[in-house]
C-alpha atoms as a PDB file:
ATOM      1  CA  MET A   1       3.041  16.211   7.170  1.00  0.00           C
ATOM      2  CA  LYS A   2       2.275  13.684   4.449  1.00  0.00           C
ATOM      3  CA  ILE A   3       4.577  10.827   3.492  1.00  0.00           C
ATOM      4  CA  LEU A   4       4.864   9.845  -0.162  1.00  0.00           C
ATOM      5  CA  ALA A   5       5.996   6.213  -0.332  1.00  0.00           C
ATOM      6  CA  ILE A   6       7.164   4.539  -3.537  1.00  0.00           C
ATOM      7  CA  ASP A   7       7.956   0.918  -4.339  1.00  0.00           C
ATOM      8  CA  PRO A   8      10.044   1.319  -7.510  1.00  0.00           C
ATOM      9  CA  GLY A   9      10.045  -1.323 -10.235  1.00  0.00           C
ATOM     10  CA  ARG A  10      11.134  -1.782 -13.836  1.00  0.00           C
ATOM     11  CA  GLU A  11       7.636  -1.840 -15.356  1.00  0.00           C
ATOM     12  CA  LYS A  12       5.421  -0.574 -12.523  1.00  0.00           C
ATOM     13  CA  CYS A  13       5.692   1.284  -9.232  1.00  0.00           C
ATOM     14  CA  GLY A  14       3.542   1.235  -6.150  1.00  0.00           C
ATOM     15  CA  VAL A  15       2.678   4.685  -4.813  1.00  0.00           C
ATOM     16  CA  CYS A  16       1.015   5.586  -1.522  1.00  0.00           C
ATOM     17  CA  VAL A  17       0.463   8.900   0.241  1.00  0.00           C
ATOM     18  CA  LEU A  18       0.017   8.530   3.986  1.00  0.00           C
ATOM     19  CA  GLU A  19      -1.557  11.403   5.883  1.00  0.00           C
ATOM     20  CA  GLY A  20      -0.115  12.539   9.217  1.00  0.00           C
ATOM     21  CA  ASP A  21      -2.556  10.313  11.105  1.00  0.00           C
ATOM     22  CA  GLY A  22      -1.633   7.269   8.999  1.00  0.00           C
ATOM     23  CA  ALA A  23      -4.732   7.412   6.791  1.00  0.00           C
ATOM     24  CA  ILE A  24      -4.205   6.652   3.129  1.00  0.00           C
ATOM     25  CA  GLY A  25      -4.745   9.712   0.961  1.00  0.00           C
ATOM     26  CA  TYR A  26      -3.748   8.111  -2.347  1.00  0.00           C
ATOM     27  CA  GLN A  27      -2.739   4.607  -3.366  1.00  0.00           C
ATOM     28  CA  SER A  28      -2.117   3.192  -6.825  1.00  0.00           C
ATOM     29  CA  VAL A  29       0.058   1.027  -9.040  1.00  0.00           C
ATOM     30  CA  ILE A  30       1.439   3.148 -11.880  1.00  0.00           C
ATOM     31  CA  GLU A  31       3.597   2.569 -14.940  1.00  0.00           C
ATOM     32  CA  THR A  32       7.239   3.390 -14.217  1.00  0.00           C
ATOM     33  CA  ALA A  33       7.311   5.481 -17.390  1.00  0.00           C
ATOM     34  CA  ARG A  34       4.755   7.838 -15.767  1.00  0.00           C
ATOM     35  CA  LEU A  35       6.625   8.184 -12.453  1.00  0.00           C
ATOM     36  CA  GLU A  36       7.580  11.846 -12.840  1.00  0.00           C
ATOM     37  CA  GLU A  37       4.129  12.830 -14.092  1.00  0.00           C
ATOM     38  CA  ILE A  38       2.232  11.178 -11.223  1.00  0.00           C
ATOM     39  CA  ILE A  39       4.675  12.192  -8.481  1.00  0.00           C
ATOM     40  CA  SER A  40       4.783  15.797  -9.732  1.00  0.00           C
ATOM     41  CA  GLY A  41       1.004  15.935  -9.429  1.00  0.00           C
ATOM     42  CA  LEU A  42       1.044  14.528  -5.904  1.00  0.00           C
ATOM     43  CA  ILE A  43       3.743  17.002  -4.861  1.00  0.00           C
ATOM     44  CA  ALA A  44       1.765  19.863  -6.415  1.00  0.00           C
ATOM     45  CA  ASP A  45      -1.236  18.905  -4.250  1.00  0.00           C
ATOM     46  CA  GLY A  46       0.919  20.000  -1.299  1.00  0.00           C
ATOM     47  CA  GLY A  47       1.837  18.799   2.138  1.00  0.00           C
ATOM     48  CA  ILE A  48       4.441  16.169   1.182  1.00  0.00           C
ATOM     49  CA  GLY A  49       7.098  16.334   3.882  1.00  0.00           C
ATOM     50  CA  ALA A  50       9.166  13.305   2.901  1.00  0.00           C
ATOM     51  CA  ILE A  51       9.480  10.786   0.108  1.00  0.00           C
ATOM     52  CA  VAL A  52      10.119   7.197   1.130  1.00  0.00           C
ATOM     53  CA  LEU A  53      11.700   4.951  -1.469  1.00  0.00           C
ATOM     54  CA  GLY A  54      12.154   1.190  -1.292  1.00  0.00           C
ATOM     55  CA  ASP A  55      15.747   0.011  -1.645  1.00  0.00           C
ATOM     56  CA  GLY A  56      15.044  -2.561  -4.391  1.00  0.00           C
ATOM     57  CA  THR A  57      16.846  -3.098  -7.670  1.00  0.00           C
ATOM     58  CA  THR A  58      15.670   0.051  -9.437  1.00  0.00           C
ATOM     59  CA  SER A  59      15.787   2.407  -6.452  1.00  0.00           C
ATOM     60  CA  SER A  60      18.900   4.311  -7.560  1.00  0.00           C
ATOM     61  CA  ASP A  61      17.322   5.129 -10.940  1.00  0.00           C
ATOM     62  CA  ALA A  62      14.038   6.109  -9.271  1.00  0.00           C
ATOM     63  CA  ARG A  63      15.905   8.299  -6.772  1.00  0.00           C
ATOM     64  CA  ARG A  64      17.725  10.100  -9.570  1.00  0.00           C
ATOM     65  CA  ARG A  65      14.429  10.748 -11.357  1.00  0.00           C
ATOM     66  CA  LEU A  66      12.722  11.920  -8.145  1.00  0.00           C
ATOM     67  CA  GLU A  67      15.524  14.295  -7.173  1.00  0.00           C
ATOM     68  CA  GLU A  68      14.848  16.264 -10.368  1.00  0.00           C
ATOM     69  CA  ILE A  69      11.188  16.900  -9.490  1.00  0.00           C
ATOM     70  CA  ALA A  70      11.158  16.832  -5.674  1.00  0.00           C
ATOM     71  CA  LYS A  71      13.514  19.686  -4.924  1.00  0.00           C
ATOM     72  CA  GLY A  72      13.579  20.473  -1.213  1.00  0.00           C
ATOM     73  CA  ILE A  73      11.758  17.307  -0.154  1.00  0.00           C
ATOM     74  CA  PRO A  74      13.989  14.774   1.599  1.00  0.00           C
ATOM     75  CA  ILE A  75      14.141  11.304   0.015  1.00  0.00           C
ATOM     76  CA  GLU A  76      14.623   8.479   2.511  1.00  0.00           C
ATOM     77  CA  VAL A  77      15.475   4.916   1.501  1.00  0.00           C
ATOM     78  CA  VAL A  78      13.730   2.140   3.450  1.00  0.00           C
ATOM     79  CA  ASP A  79      14.534  -1.583   3.546  1.00  0.00           C
ATOM     80  CA  GLU A  80      12.149  -3.578   1.320  1.00  0.00           C
ATOM     81  CA  LYS A  81      12.946  -6.920   2.942  1.00  0.00           C
ATOM     82  CA  HIS A  82       9.842  -9.167   3.133  1.00  0.00           C
ATOM     83  CA  THR A  83       7.471  -6.411   1.983  1.00  0.00           C
ATOM     84  CA  THR A  84       6.018  -8.447  -0.883  1.00  0.00           C
ATOM     85  CA  GLU A  85       5.064 -11.286   1.460  1.00  0.00           C
ATOM     86  CA  ALA A  86       3.563  -8.800   3.933  1.00  0.00           C
ATOM     87  CA  ALA A  87       1.673  -7.061   1.108  1.00  0.00           C
ATOM     88  CA  ARG A  88       0.169 -10.353  -0.068  1.00  0.00           C
ATOM     89  CA  LYS A  89      -1.138 -11.013   3.444  1.00  0.00           C
ATOM     90  CA  GLU A  90      -2.476  -7.466   3.700  1.00  0.00           C
ATOM     91  CA  TYR A  91      -4.143  -7.794   0.293  1.00  0.00           C
ATOM     92  CA  TRP A  92      -6.318 -10.666   1.557  1.00  0.00           C
ATOM     93  CA  ILE A  93      -7.242  -8.667   4.661  1.00  0.00           C
ATOM     94  CA  LYS A  94      -8.322  -5.717   2.511  1.00  0.00           C
ATOM     95  CA  LYS A  95      -9.993  -7.876  -0.153  1.00  0.00           C
ATOM     96  CA  PRO A  96     -11.055 -11.224   1.335  1.00  0.00           C
ATOM     97  CA  PRO A  97     -11.476 -14.072  -1.166  1.00  0.00           C
ATOM     98  CA  ARG A  98     -15.017 -14.724  -2.395  1.00  0.00           C
ATOM     99  CA  GLY A  99     -16.830 -17.738  -3.724  1.00  0.00           C
ATOM    100  CA  TRP A 100     -15.043 -21.061  -3.565  1.00  0.00           C
ATOM    101  CA  ARG A 101     -11.706 -19.283  -2.997  1.00  0.00           C
ATOM    102  CA  ARG A 102     -12.777 -18.361   0.530  1.00  0.00           C
ATOM    103  CA  PHE A 103     -12.348 -22.040   1.466  1.00  0.00           C
ATOM    104  CA  LEU A 104      -8.682 -22.096   0.439  1.00  0.00           C
ATOM    105  CA  PRO A 105      -6.044 -20.775   2.839  1.00  0.00           C
ATOM    106  CA  THR A 106      -4.907 -17.368   1.586  1.00  0.00           C
ATOM    107  CA  SER A 107      -1.309 -18.482   2.115  1.00  0.00           C
ATOM    108  CA  LEU A 108      -1.836 -20.824  -0.860  1.00  0.00           C
ATOM    109  CA  GLN A 109      -3.309 -18.120  -3.095  1.00  0.00           C
ATOM    110  CA  VAL A 110      -1.679 -15.404  -5.178  1.00  0.00           C
ATOM    111  CA  PRO A 111      -3.500 -12.068  -5.336  1.00  0.00           C
ATOM    112  CA  PRO A 112      -5.097 -11.562  -8.769  1.00  0.00           C
ATOM    113  CA  GLU A 113      -3.666  -8.059  -9.112  1.00  0.00           C
ATOM    114  CA  PRO A 114      -0.331  -6.367  -8.358  1.00  0.00           C
ATOM    115  CA  VAL A 115       0.353  -5.520  -4.698  1.00  0.00           C
ATOM    116  CA  ASP A 116       3.017  -2.859  -5.335  1.00  0.00           C
ATOM    117  CA  ASP A 117       0.730  -0.155  -3.913  1.00  0.00           C
ATOM    118  CA  ILE A 118       0.386  -2.118  -0.674  1.00  0.00           C
ATOM    119  CA  VAL A 119       4.177  -2.555  -0.597  1.00  0.00           C
ATOM    120  CA  ALA A 120       4.462   1.246  -0.837  1.00  0.00           C
ATOM    121  CA  GLU A 121       2.027   1.570   2.076  1.00  0.00           C
ATOM    122  CA  ILE A 122       4.146  -0.831   4.150  1.00  0.00           C
ATOM    123  CA  LEU A 123       7.305   1.135   3.302  1.00  0.00           C
ATOM    124  CA  GLY A 124       5.608   4.356   4.409  1.00  0.00           C
ATOM    125  CA  ARG A 125       4.460   2.776   7.661  1.00  0.00           C
ATOM    126  CA  ARG A 126       7.975   1.425   8.318  1.00  0.00           C
ATOM    127  CA  PHE A 127       9.346   4.911   7.839  1.00  0.00           C
ATOM    128  CA  ILE A 128       6.754   6.415  10.212  1.00  0.00           C
ATOM    129  CA  ALA A 129       7.480   3.744  12.822  1.00  0.00           C
ATOM    130  CA  ARG A 130      11.222   4.357  12.510  1.00  0.00           C
ATOM    131  CA  SER A 131      10.736   8.110  12.720  1.00  0.00           C
ATOM    132  CA  THR A 132       8.505   7.966  15.802  1.00  0.00           C
ATOM    133  CA  GLY A 133      10.469   5.204  17.517  1.00  0.00           C
ATOM    134  CA  GLU A 134       7.560   2.752  17.552  1.00  0.00           C
END
């Protein structure tokens, strides 16, 4: 069973599909205006057993939009607390700084690109951990 995790936002959303073994099958930052289009395509690919949605400011609007296209797939809301900070740390693990930036502590640096997709990954992993009792 695949987990489709979404970090909803006003302008952009993080999206991540986690395979049953925890591997990332898809991960991207998308425009919120394209949410239905992208999610419909991911659902059509098959195997999505649950949708995980962060509980941030725009989650109720995102949930309403998802319910229209994800009929029969349960939508679970997950606490987003501290996910941005965790995503920034994870960003530097995935993409270590290069050049002179490698000499600065990553805690003093801001990633040069959005981390919403990594937030979605963290939300999906929180859901899996909660579901399996880890």
